């Protein structure tokens, strides 16, 4: 199995967190505040964030991207370590064994 890289995983997870936040922020702008509870969640998860000023929005994007980097820094070495130990269990993932030639198959 291909090993994960911290850089690629950090970019993917960081952008995933940022995109999720943007979608939640858009949702929060559409739904009335009394029905929407995401603002409270974001304010408790992100230090310095208050709903929804331009500076807080940028701060949230930076903080969430850094959370994604943190996830990658912890997750990738663990994944690669445990997946590397498992390599002896797996033959060649994704590649099937070739079938024997028809002549080699004995007919009874």
PDB file of N, CA and C in Angstrom:
ATOM      1  N   UNK A   1       0.851  -1.177   0.000  1.00  0.00           N
ATOM      2  CA  UNK A   1       0.000   0.000   0.000  1.00  0.00           C
ATOM      3  C   UNK A   1       0.892   1.234   0.000  1.00  0.00           C
ATOM      4  N   UNK A   2       0.468   2.246  -0.705  1.00  0.00           N
ATOM      5  CA  UNK A   2       1.218   3.494  -0.769  1.00  0.00           C
ATOM      6  C   UNK A   2       1.195   4.178   0.596  1.00  0.00           C
ATOM      7  N   UNK A   3       2.346   4.675   0.990  1.00  0.00           N
ATOM      8  CA  UNK A   3       2.453   5.365   2.271  1.00  0.00           C
ATOM      9  C   UNK A   3       1.888   6.778   2.148  1.00  0.00           C
ATOM     10  N   UNK A   4       1.278   7.249   3.217  1.00  0.00           N
ATOM     11  CA  UNK A   4       0.762   8.612   3.251  1.00  0.00           C
ATOM     12  C   UNK A   4       1.899   9.587   3.527  1.00  0.00           C
ATOM     13  N   UNK A   5       1.758  10.809   3.036  1.00  0.00           N
ATOM     14  CA  UNK A   5       2.725  11.859   3.367  1.00  0.00           C
ATOM     15  C   UNK A   5       2.029  12.874   4.267  1.00  0.00           C
ATOM     16  N   UNK A   6       2.821  13.474   5.141  1.00  0.00           N
ATOM     17  CA  UNK A   6       2.252  14.483   6.042  1.00  0.00           C
ATOM     18  C   UNK A   6       1.781  15.683   5.241  1.00  0.00           C
ATOM     19  N   UNK A   7       2.558  16.108   4.250  1.00  0.00           N
ATOM     20  CA  UNK A   7       2.199  17.298   3.460  1.00  0.00           C
ATOM     21  C   UNK A   7       0.866  17.104   2.735  1.00  0.00           C
ATOM     22  N   UNK A   8       0.727  16.013   2.020  1.00  0.00           N
ATOM     23  CA  UNK A   8      -0.506  15.762   1.271  1.00  0.00           C
ATOM     24  C   UNK A   8      -1.710  15.605   2.179  1.00  0.00           C
ATOM     25  N   UNK A   9      -1.528  14.888   3.268  1.00  0.00           N
ATOM     26  CA  UNK A   9      -2.630  14.682   4.204  1.00  0.00           C
ATOM     27  C   UNK A   9      -2.990  15.986   4.905  1.00  0.00           C
ATOM     28  N   UNK A  10      -1.988  16.786   5.277  1.00  0.00           N
ATOM     29  CA  UNK A  10      -2.256  18.070   5.937  1.00  0.00           C
ATOM     30  C   UNK A  10      -3.043  18.996   5.015  1.00  0.00           C
ATOM     31  N   UNK A  11      -2.656  19.054   3.751  1.00  0.00           N
ATOM     32  CA  UNK A  11      -3.393  19.892   2.801  1.00  0.00           C
ATOM     33  C   UNK A  11      -4.825  19.402   2.636  1.00  0.00           C
ATOM     34  N   UNK A  12      -4.999  18.104   2.504  1.00  0.00           N
ATOM     35  CA  UNK A  12      -6.340  17.547   2.302  1.00  0.00           C
ATOM     36  C   UNK A  12      -7.231  17.781   3.513  1.00  0.00           C
ATOM     37  N   UNK A  13      -6.729  17.477   4.700  1.00  0.00           N
ATOM     38  CA  UNK A  13      -7.554  17.618   5.906  1.00  0.00           C
ATOM     39  C   UNK A  13      -7.785  19.097   6.229  1.00  0.00           C
ATOM     40  N   UNK A  14      -6.745  19.922   6.087  1.00  0.00           N
ATOM     41  CA  UNK A  14      -6.908  21.352   6.341  1.00  0.00           C
ATOM     42  C   UNK A  14      -7.937  21.990   5.429  1.00  0.00           C
ATOM     43  N   UNK A  15      -7.864  21.667   4.143  1.00  0.00           N
ATOM     44  CA  UNK A  15      -8.858  22.204   3.199  1.00  0.00           C
ATOM     45  C   UNK A  15     -10.244  21.632   3.448  1.00  0.00           C
ATOM     46  N   UNK A  16     -10.311  20.374   3.841  1.00  0.00           N
ATOM     47  CA  UNK A  16     -11.606  19.773   4.188  1.00  0.00           C
ATOM     48  C   UNK A  16     -12.245  20.535   5.353  1.00  0.00           C
ATOM     49  N   UNK A  17     -11.451  20.817   6.395  1.00  0.00           N
ATOM     50  CA  UNK A  17     -11.976  21.577   7.534  1.00  0.00           C
ATOM     51  C   UNK A  17     -12.407  22.979   7.107  1.00  0.00           C
ATOM     52  N   UNK A  18     -11.620  23.634   6.271  1.00  0.00           N
ATOM     53  CA  UNK A  18     -11.967  24.983   5.815  1.00  0.00           C
ATOM     54  C   UNK A  18     -13.242  24.987   4.979  1.00  0.00           C
ATOM     55  N   UNK A  19     -13.360  24.047   4.057  1.00  0.00           N
ATOM     56  CA  UNK A  19     -14.558  23.970   3.215  1.00  0.00           C
ATOM     57  C   UNK A  19     -15.790  23.690   4.075  1.00  0.00           C
ATOM     58  N   UNK A  20     -15.640  22.806   5.040  1.00  0.00           N
ATOM     59  CA  UNK A  20     -16.752  22.506   5.943  1.00  0.00           C
ATOM     60  C   UNK A  20     -17.177  23.753   6.710  1.00  0.00           C
ATOM     61  N   UNK A  21     -16.197  24.526   7.188  1.00  0.00           N
ATOM     62  CA  UNK A  21     -16.512  25.755   7.914  1.00  0.00           C
ATOM     63  C   UNK A  21     -17.238  26.762   7.024  1.00  0.00           C
ATOM     64  N   UNK A  22     -16.770  26.926   5.797  1.00  0.00           N
ATOM     65  CA  UNK A  22     -17.414  27.884   4.877  1.00  0.00           C
ATOM     66  C   UNK A  22     -18.864  27.466   4.634  1.00  0.00           C
ATOM     67  N   UNK A  23     -19.100  26.181   4.420  1.00  0.00           N
ATOM     68  CA  UNK A  23     -20.476  25.706   4.215  1.00  0.00           C
ATOM     69  C   UNK A  23     -21.334  25.938   5.453  1.00  0.00           C
ATOM     70  N   UNK A  24     -20.766  25.697   6.635  1.00  0.00           N
ATOM     71  CA  UNK A  24     -21.510  25.949   7.881  1.00  0.00           C
ATOM     72  C   UNK A  24     -21.779  27.440   8.066  1.00  0.00           C
ATOM     73  N   UNK A  25     -20.807  28.278   7.723  1.00  0.00           N
ATOM     74  CA  UNK A  25     -21.005  29.723   7.843  1.00  0.00           C
ATOM     75  C   UNK A  25     -22.104  30.191   6.895  1.00  0.00           C
ATOM     76  N   UNK A  26     -22.096  29.678   5.671  1.00  0.00           N
ATOM     77  CA  UNK A  26     -23.161  30.031   4.725  1.00  0.00           C
ATOM     78  C   UNK A  26     -24.513  29.571   5.250  1.00  0.00           C
ATOM     79  N   UNK A  27     -24.556  28.386   5.806  1.00  0.00           N
ATOM     80  CA  UNK A  27     -25.795  27.865   6.387  1.00  0.00           C
ATOM     81  C   UNK A  27     -26.257  28.780   7.527  1.00  0.00           C
ATOM     82  N   UNK A  28     -25.302  29.221   8.353  1.00  0.00           N
ATOM     83  CA  UNK A  28     -25.629  30.098   9.469  1.00  0.00           C
ATOM     84  C   UNK A  28     -26.156  31.453   9.039  1.00  0.00           C
ATOM     85  N   UNK A  29     -25.751  31.899   7.850  1.00  0.00           N
ATOM     86  CA  UNK A  29     -26.258  33.171   7.346  1.00  0.00           C
ATOM     87  C   UNK A  29     -27.662  33.037   6.761  1.00  0.00           C
ATOM     88  N   UNK A  30     -28.016  31.833   6.315  1.00  0.00           N
ATOM     89  CA  UNK A  30     -29.326  31.601   5.705  1.00  0.00           C
ATOM     90  C   UNK A  30     -30.386  31.297   6.759  1.00  0.00           C
ATOM     91  N   UNK A  31     -30.035  30.502   7.749  1.00  0.00           N
ATOM     92  CA  UNK A  31     -30.985  30.062   8.771  1.00  0.00           C
ATOM     93  C   UNK A  31     -31.022  31.106   9.898  1.00  0.00           C
ATOM     94  N   UNK A  32     -32.203  31.404  10.423  1.00  0.00           N
ATOM     95  CA  UNK A  32     -32.281  32.359  11.539  1.00  0.00           C
ATOM     96  C   UNK A  32     -31.446  31.898  12.743  1.00  0.00           C
ATOM     97  N   UNK A  33     -30.852  32.846  13.428  1.00  0.00           N
ATOM     98  CA  UNK A  33     -29.927  32.545  14.541  1.00  0.00           C
ATOM     99  C   UNK A  33     -30.598  31.683  15.616  1.00  0.00           C
ATOM    100  N   UNK A  34     -31.873  31.878  15.860  1.00  0.00           N
ATOM    101  CA  UNK A  34     -32.547  31.113  16.915  1.00  0.00           C
ATOM    102  C   UNK A  34     -32.670  29.629  16.556  1.00  0.00           C
ATOM    103  N   UNK A  35     -32.629  29.296  15.256  1.00  0.00           N
ATOM    104  CA  UNK A  35     -32.730  27.903  14.825  1.00  0.00           C
ATOM    105  C   UNK A  35     -31.362  27.265  14.573  1.00  0.00           C
ATOM    106  N   UNK A  36     -30.350  28.076  14.509  1.00  0.00           N
ATOM    107  CA  UNK A  36     -29.028  27.590  14.113  1.00  0.00           C
ATOM    108  C   UNK A  36     -28.108  27.590  15.324  1.00  0.00           C
ATOM    109  N   UNK A  37     -27.484  26.437  15.596  1.00  0.00           N
ATOM    110  CA  UNK A  37     -26.629  26.316  16.780  1.00  0.00           C
ATOM    111  C   UNK A  37     -25.152  26.187  16.429  1.00  0.00           C
ATOM    112  N   UNK A  38     -24.806  26.251  15.154  1.00  0.00           N
ATOM    113  CA  UNK A  38     -23.413  26.113  14.737  1.00  0.00           C
ATOM    114  C   UNK A  38     -22.537  27.232  15.288  1.00  0.00           C
ATOM    115  N   UNK A  39     -23.072  28.418  15.385  1.00  0.00           N
ATOM    116  CA  UNK A  39     -22.281  29.556  15.870  1.00  0.00           C
ATOM    117  C   UNK A  39     -21.715  29.264  17.255  1.00  0.00           C
ATOM    118  N   UNK A  40     -22.542  28.725  18.125  1.00  0.00           N
ATOM    119  CA  UNK A  40     -22.097  28.396  19.479  1.00  0.00           C
ATOM    120  C   UNK A  40     -21.004  27.340  19.452  1.00  0.00           C
ATOM    121  N   UNK A  41     -21.156  26.364  18.602  1.00  0.00           N
ATOM    122  CA  UNK A  41     -20.147  25.306  18.485  1.00  0.00           C
ATOM    123  C   UNK A  41     -18.818  25.875  18.005  1.00  0.00           C
ATOM    124  N   UNK A  42     -18.835  26.676  16.942  1.00  0.00           N
ATOM    125  CA  UNK A  42     -17.600  27.260  16.423  1.00  0.00           C
ATOM    126  C   UNK A  42     -16.948  28.169  17.449  1.00  0.00           C
ATOM    127  N   UNK A  43     -17.752  28.955  18.167  1.00  0.00           N
ATOM    128  CA  UNK A  43     -17.188  29.860  19.178  1.00  0.00           C
ATOM    129  C   UNK A  43     -16.515  29.091  20.310  1.00  0.00           C
ATOM    130  N   UNK A  44     -17.013  27.905  20.620  1.00  0.00           N
ATOM    131  CA  UNK A  44     -16.387  27.114  21.689  1.00  0.00           C
ATOM    132  C   UNK A  44     -15.160  26.343  21.190  1.00  0.00           C
ATOM    133  N   UNK A  45     -15.118  25.990  19.902  1.00  0.00           N
ATOM    134  CA  UNK A  45     -13.992  25.226  19.352  1.00  0.00           C
ATOM    135  C   UNK A  45     -12.816  26.090  18.915  1.00  0.00           C
ATOM    136  N   UNK A  46     -13.085  27.315  18.507  1.00  0.00           N
ATOM    137  CA  UNK A  46     -12.045  28.164  17.921  1.00  0.00           C
ATOM    138  C   UNK A  46     -11.736  29.355  18.821  1.00  0.00           C
ATOM    139  N   UNK A  47     -10.552  29.365  19.430  1.00  0.00           N
ATOM    140  CA  UNK A  47     -10.185  30.492  20.298  1.00  0.00           C
ATOM    141  C   UNK A  47     -10.188  31.817  19.530  1.00  0.00           C
ATOM    142  N   UNK A  48     -10.825  32.831  20.106  1.00  0.00           N
ATOM    143  CA  UNK A  48     -10.854  34.154  19.503  1.00  0.00           C
ATOM    144  C   UNK A  48     -11.931  34.352  18.459  1.00  0.00           C
ATOM    145  N   UNK A  49     -12.702  33.317  18.152  1.00  0.00           N
ATOM    146  CA  UNK A  49     -13.729  33.416  17.110  1.00  0.00           C
ATOM    147  C   UNK A  49     -15.026  33.934  17.707  1.00  0.00           C
ATOM    148  N   UNK A  50     -15.609  34.929  17.047  1.00  0.00           N
ATOM    149  CA  UNK A  50     -16.959  35.397  17.383  1.00  0.00           C
ATOM    150  C   UNK A  50     -17.773  35.423  16.088  1.00  0.00           C
ATOM    151  N   UNK A  51     -19.004  35.077  16.186  1.00  0.00           N
ATOM    152  CA  UNK A  51     -19.868  34.968  14.998  1.00  0.00           C
ATOM    153  C   UNK A  51     -20.241  36.328  14.498  1.00  0.00           C
ATOM    154  N   UNK A  52     -20.203  36.674  13.361  1.00  0.00           N
ATOM    155  CA  UNK A  52     -19.418  36.309  12.224  1.00  0.00           C
ATOM    156  C   UNK A  52     -18.872  37.618  11.671  1.00  0.00           C
ATOM    157  N   UNK A  53     -17.723  37.998  12.120  1.00  0.00           N
ATOM    158  CA  UNK A  53     -17.060  39.189  11.579  1.00  0.00           C
ATOM    159  C   UNK A  53     -16.030  38.736  10.548  1.00  0.00           C
ATOM    160  N   UNK A  54     -15.648  39.613   9.634  1.00  0.00           N
ATOM    161  CA  UNK A  54     -14.648  39.227   8.630  1.00  0.00           C
ATOM    162  C   UNK A  54     -13.328  38.756   9.252  1.00  0.00           C
ATOM    163  N   UNK A  55     -12.879  39.439  10.306  1.00  0.00           N
ATOM    164  CA  UNK A  55     -11.626  39.031  10.953  1.00  0.00           C
ATOM    165  C   UNK A  55     -11.769  37.658  11.601  1.00  0.00           C
ATOM    166  N   UNK A  56     -12.897  37.395  12.232  1.00  0.00           N
ATOM    167  CA  UNK A  56     -13.131  36.088  12.848  1.00  0.00           C
ATOM    168  C   UNK A  56     -13.228  34.988  11.792  1.00  0.00           C
ATOM    169  N   UNK A  57     -13.807  35.323  10.664  1.00  0.00           N
ATOM    170  CA  UNK A  57     -13.931  34.356   9.585  1.00  0.00           C
ATOM    171  C   UNK A  57     -12.546  33.910   9.109  1.00  0.00           C
ATOM    172  N   UNK A  58     -11.649  34.869   8.885  1.00  0.00           N
ATOM    173  CA  UNK A  58     -10.286  34.550   8.445  1.00  0.00           C
ATOM    174  C   UNK A  58      -9.548  33.798   9.543  1.00  0.00           C
ATOM    175  N   UNK A  59      -9.710  34.228  10.791  1.00  0.00           N
ATOM    176  CA  UNK A  59      -9.077  33.544  11.914  1.00  0.00           C
ATOM    177  C   UNK A  59      -9.530  32.082  11.977  1.00  0.00           C
ATOM    178  N   UNK A  60     -10.819  31.852  11.784  1.00  0.00           N
ATOM    179  CA  UNK A  60     -11.349  30.482  11.811  1.00  0.00           C
ATOM    180  C   UNK A  60     -10.735  29.636  10.699  1.00  0.00           C
ATOM    181  N   UNK A  61     -10.605  30.210   9.498  1.00  0.00           N
ATOM    182  CA  UNK A  61      -9.995  29.454   8.397  1.00  0.00           C
ATOM    183  C   UNK A  61      -8.558  29.063   8.729  1.00  0.00           C
ATOM    184  N   UNK A  62      -7.811  29.984   9.314  1.00  0.00           N
ATOM    185  CA  UNK A  62      -6.414  29.698   9.680  1.00  0.00           C
ATOM    186  C   UNK A  62      -6.371  28.629  10.772  1.00  0.00           C
ATOM    187  N   UNK A  63      -7.175  28.804  11.826  1.00  0.00           N
ATOM    188  CA  UNK A  63      -7.171  27.842  12.929  1.00  0.00           C
ATOM    189  C   UNK A  63      -7.589  26.448  12.460  1.00  0.00           C
ATOM    190  N   UNK A  64      -8.615  26.373  11.637  1.00  0.00           N
ATOM    191  CA  UNK A  64      -9.078  25.066  11.165  1.00  0.00           C
ATOM    192  C   UNK A  64      -8.047  24.404  10.268  1.00  0.00           C
ATOM    193  N   UNK A  65      -7.371  25.191   9.436  1.00  0.00           N
ATOM    194  CA  UNK A  65      -6.315  24.606   8.608  1.00  0.00           C
ATOM    195  C   UNK A  65      -5.196  24.063   9.497  1.00  0.00           C
ATOM    196  N   UNK A  66      -4.842  24.802  10.531  1.00  0.00           N
ATOM    197  CA  UNK A  66      -3.800  24.331  11.452  1.00  0.00           C
ATOM    198  C   UNK A  66      -4.247  23.084  12.217  1.00  0.00           C
ATOM    199  N   UNK A  67      -5.531  22.981  12.539  1.00  0.00           N
ATOM    200  CA  UNK A  67      -6.042  21.741  13.141  1.00  0.00           C
ATOM    201  C   UNK A  67      -5.854  20.569  12.168  1.00  0.00           C
ATOM    202  N   UNK A  68      -6.069  20.830  10.885  1.00  0.00           N
ATOM    203  CA  UNK A  68      -5.852  19.782   9.871  1.00  0.00           C
ATOM    204  C   UNK A  68      -4.393  19.359   9.803  1.00  0.00           C
ATOM    205  N   UNK A  69      -3.482  20.318   9.911  1.00  0.00           N
ATOM    206  CA  UNK A  69      -2.046  19.998   9.935  1.00  0.00           C
ATOM    207  C   UNK A  69      -1.735  19.151  11.162  1.00  0.00           C
ATOM    208  N   UNK A  70      -2.300  19.527  12.301  1.00  0.00           N
ATOM    209  CA  UNK A  70      -2.092  18.756  13.532  1.00  0.00           C
ATOM    210  C   UNK A  70      -2.565  17.310  13.364  1.00  0.00           C
ATOM    211  N   UNK A  71      -3.751  17.136  12.794  1.00  0.00           N
ATOM    212  CA  UNK A  71      -4.273  15.787  12.556  1.00  0.00           C
ATOM    213  C   UNK A  71      -3.295  14.997  11.690  1.00  0.00           C
ATOM    214  N   UNK A  72      -2.790  15.607  10.635  1.00  0.00           N
ATOM    215  CA  UNK A  72      -1.864  14.914   9.730  1.00  0.00           C
ATOM    216  C   UNK A  72      -0.562  14.553  10.431  1.00  0.00           C
ATOM    217  N   UNK A  73      -0.026  15.463  11.233  1.00  0.00           N
ATOM    218  CA  UNK A  73       1.246  15.216  11.916  1.00  0.00           C
ATOM    219  C   UNK A  73       1.132  14.033  12.883  1.00  0.00           C
ATOM    220  N   UNK A  74      -0.020  13.872  13.493  1.00  0.00           N
ATOM    221  CA  UNK A  74      -0.221  12.750  14.417  1.00  0.00           C
ATOM    222  C   UNK A  74      -0.648  11.488  13.663  1.00  0.00           C
ATOM    223  N   UNK A  75      -1.592  11.631  12.736  1.00  0.00           N
ATOM    224  CA  UNK A  75      -2.197  10.467  12.082  1.00  0.00           C
ATOM    225  C   UNK A  75      -1.264   9.759  11.103  1.00  0.00           C
ATOM    226  N   UNK A  76      -0.569  10.499  10.264  1.00  0.00           N
ATOM    227  CA  UNK A  76       0.221   9.888   9.181  1.00  0.00           C
ATOM    228  C   UNK A  76       1.312   8.959   9.699  1.00  0.00           C
ATOM    229  N   UNK A  77       2.136   9.374  10.655  1.00  0.00           N
ATOM    230  CA  UNK A  77       3.145   8.420  11.138  1.00  0.00           C
ATOM    231  C   UNK A  77       2.522   7.177  11.772  1.00  0.00           C
ATOM    232  N   UNK A  78       1.427   7.359  12.497  1.00  0.00           N
ATOM    233  CA  UNK A  78       0.757   6.195  13.091  1.00  0.00           C
ATOM    234  C   UNK A  78       0.233   5.262  12.007  1.00  0.00           C
ATOM    235  N   UNK A  79      -0.433   5.832  11.012  1.00  0.00           N
ATOM    236  CA  UNK A  79      -0.972   5.025   9.917  1.00  0.00           C
ATOM    237  C   UNK A  79       0.142   4.273   9.191  1.00  0.00           C
ATOM    238  N   UNK A  80       1.203   4.998   8.821  1.00  0.00           N
ATOM    239  CA  UNK A  80       2.305   4.367   8.089  1.00  0.00           C
ATOM    240  C   UNK A  80       2.986   3.286   8.922  1.00  0.00           C
ATOM    241  N   UNK A  81       3.115   3.508  10.224  1.00  0.00           N
ATOM    242  CA  UNK A  81       3.732   2.508  11.089  1.00  0.00           C
ATOM    243  C   UNK A  81       2.910   1.223  11.105  1.00  0.00           C
ATOM    244  N   UNK A  82       1.618   1.365  11.382  1.00  0.00           N
ATOM    245  CA  UNK A  82       0.785   0.174  11.490  1.00  0.00           C
ATOM    246  C   UNK A  82       0.542  -0.481  10.131  1.00  0.00           C
ATOM    247  N   UNK A  83       0.447   0.300   9.092  1.00  0.00           N
ATOM    248  CA  UNK A  83       0.262  -0.256   7.751  1.00  0.00           C
ATOM    249  C   UNK A  83       1.543  -0.942   7.294  1.00  0.00           C
ATOM    250  N   UNK A  84       2.698  -0.416   7.667  1.00  0.00           N
ATOM    251  CA  UNK A  84       3.972  -1.039   7.321  1.00  0.00           C
ATOM    252  C   UNK A  84       4.153  -2.379   8.002  1.00  0.00           C
ATOM    253  N   UNK A  85       3.683  -2.493   9.221  1.00  0.00           N
ATOM    254  CA  UNK A  85       3.762  -3.765   9.942  1.00  0.00           C
ATOM    255  C   UNK A  85       2.833  -4.796   9.324  1.00  0.00           C
ATOM    256  N   UNK A  86       1.761  -4.340   8.718  1.00  0.00           N
ATOM    257  CA  UNK A  86       0.764  -5.232   8.131  1.00  0.00           C
ATOM    258  C   UNK A  86       1.173  -5.707   6.745  1.00  0.00           C
ATOM    259  N   UNK A  87       2.203  -5.102   6.162  1.00  0.00           N
ATOM    260  CA  UNK A  87       2.584  -5.401   4.779  1.00  0.00           C
ATOM    261  C   UNK A  87       2.895  -6.876   4.574  1.00  0.00           C
ATOM    262  N   UNK A  88       3.436  -7.538   5.576  1.00  0.00           N
ATOM    263  CA  UNK A  88       3.755  -8.954   5.413  1.00  0.00           C
ATOM    264  C   UNK A  88       2.499  -9.818   5.334  1.00  0.00           C
ATOM    265  N   UNK A  89       1.364  -9.309   5.816  1.00  0.00           N
ATOM    266  CA  UNK A  89       0.116 -10.065   5.757  1.00  0.00           C
ATOM    267  C   UNK A  89      -0.506 -10.026   4.364  1.00  0.00           C
ATOM    268  N   UNK A  90      -0.253  -8.978   3.644  1.00  0.00           N
ATOM    269  CA  UNK A  90      -0.908  -8.739   2.366  1.00  0.00           C
ATOM    270  C   UNK A  90       0.020  -9.141   1.235  1.00  0.00           C
ATOM    271  N   UNK A  91      -0.513  -9.861   0.244  1.00  0.00           N
ATOM    272  CA  UNK A  91       0.325 -10.219  -0.899  1.00  0.00           C
ATOM    273  C   UNK A  91       0.647  -8.976  -1.697  1.00  0.00           C
ATOM    274  N   UNK A  92      -0.066  -8.675  -2.706  1.00  0.00           N
ATOM    275  CA  UNK A  92       0.085  -7.438  -3.463  1.00  0.00           C
ATOM    276  C   UNK A  92      -1.315  -6.865  -3.625  1.00  0.00           C
ATOM    277  N   UNK A  93      -1.658  -5.833  -2.869  1.00  0.00           N
ATOM    278  CA  UNK A  93      -3.022  -5.327  -2.927  1.00  0.00           C
ATOM    279  C   UNK A  93      -3.369  -4.781  -4.307  1.00  0.00           C
ATOM    280  N   UNK A  94      -4.561  -5.130  -4.746  1.00  0.00           N
ATOM    281  CA  UNK A  94      -5.048  -4.595  -6.006  1.00  0.00           C
ATOM    282  C   UNK A  94      -4.573  -5.336  -7.243  1.00  0.00           C
ATOM    283  N   UNK A  95      -3.677  -6.309  -7.093  1.00  0.00           N
ATOM    284  CA  UNK A  95      -3.184  -7.037  -8.255  1.00  0.00           C
ATOM    285  C   UNK A  95      -3.545  -8.506  -8.071  1.00  0.00           C
ATOM    286  N   UNK A  96      -4.312  -9.023  -8.995  1.00  0.00           N
ATOM    287  CA  UNK A  96      -4.726 -10.416  -8.921  1.00  0.00           C
ATOM    288  C   UNK A  96      -3.619 -11.320  -9.450  1.00  0.00           C
ATOM    289  N   UNK A  97      -3.589 -12.526  -8.935  1.00  0.00           N
ATOM    290  CA  UNK A  97      -2.634 -13.503  -9.446  1.00  0.00           C
ATOM    291  C   UNK A  97      -3.017 -13.882 -10.870  1.00  0.00           C
ATOM    292  N   UNK A  98      -2.034 -14.084 -11.741  1.00  0.00           N
ATOM    293  CA  UNK A  98      -2.371 -14.510 -13.101  1.00  0.00           C
ATOM    294  C   UNK A  98      -2.891 -15.943 -13.089  1.00  0.00           C
ATOM    295  N   UNK A  99      -3.820 -16.207 -13.969  1.00  0.00           N
ATOM    296  CA  UNK A  99      -4.348 -17.563 -14.091  1.00  0.00           C
ATOM    297  C   UNK A  99      -3.332 -18.450 -14.808  1.00  0.00           C
ATOM    298  N   UNK A 100      -3.305 -19.730 -14.461  1.00  0.00           N
ATOM    299  CA  UNK A 100      -2.392 -20.626 -15.175  1.00  0.00           C
ATOM    300  C   UNK A 100      -2.855 -20.798 -16.615  1.00  0.00           C
ATOM    301  N   UNK A 101      -1.928 -21.123 -17.518  1.00  0.00           N
ATOM    302  CA  UNK A 101      -2.335 -21.336 -18.913  1.00  0.00           C
ATOM    303  C   UNK A 101      -3.334 -22.484 -19.014  1.00  0.00           C
ATOM    304  N   UNK A 102      -4.168 -22.442 -20.021  1.00  0.00           N
ATOM    305  CA  UNK A 102      -5.211 -23.456 -20.187  1.00  0.00           C
ATOM    306  C   UNK A 102      -4.624 -24.864 -20.303  1.00  0.00           C
ATOM    307  N   UNK A 103      -3.436 -24.968 -20.909  1.00  0.00           N
ATOM    308  CA  UNK A 103      -2.820 -26.278 -21.090  1.00  0.00           C
ATOM    309  C   UNK A 103      -2.439 -26.886 -19.742  1.00  0.00           C
ATOM    310  N   UNK A 104      -2.144 -26.043 -18.764  1.00  0.00           N
ATOM    311  CA  UNK A 104      -1.696 -26.539 -17.473  1.00  0.00           C
ATOM    312  C   UNK A 104      -2.849 -27.038 -16.620  1.00  0.00           C
ATOM    313  N   UNK A 105      -4.064 -26.692 -16.980  1.00  0.00           N
ATOM    314  CA  UNK A 105      -5.223 -27.134 -16.199  1.00  0.00           C
ATOM    315  C   UNK A 105      -5.547 -28.568 -16.621  1.00  0.00           C
ATOM    316  N   UNK A 106      -5.561 -29.437 -15.624  1.00  0.00           N
ATOM    317  CA  UNK A 106      -5.842 -30.857 -15.907  1.00  0.00           C
ATOM    318  C   UNK A 106      -7.347 -31.069 -15.924  1.00  0.00           C
ATOM    319  N   UNK A 107      -7.778 -31.754 -16.950  1.00  0.00           N
ATOM    320  CA  UNK A 107      -9.207 -32.084 -17.070  1.00  0.00           C
ATOM    321  C   UNK A 107      -9.411 -33.506 -16.632  1.00  0.00           C
ATOM    322  N   UNK A 108     -10.426 -33.742 -15.857  1.00  0.00           N
ATOM    323  CA  UNK A 108     -10.729 -35.106 -15.386  1.00  0.00           C
ATOM    324  C   UNK A 108     -11.913 -35.665 -16.085  1.00  0.00           C
TER     325      UNK A 108
END
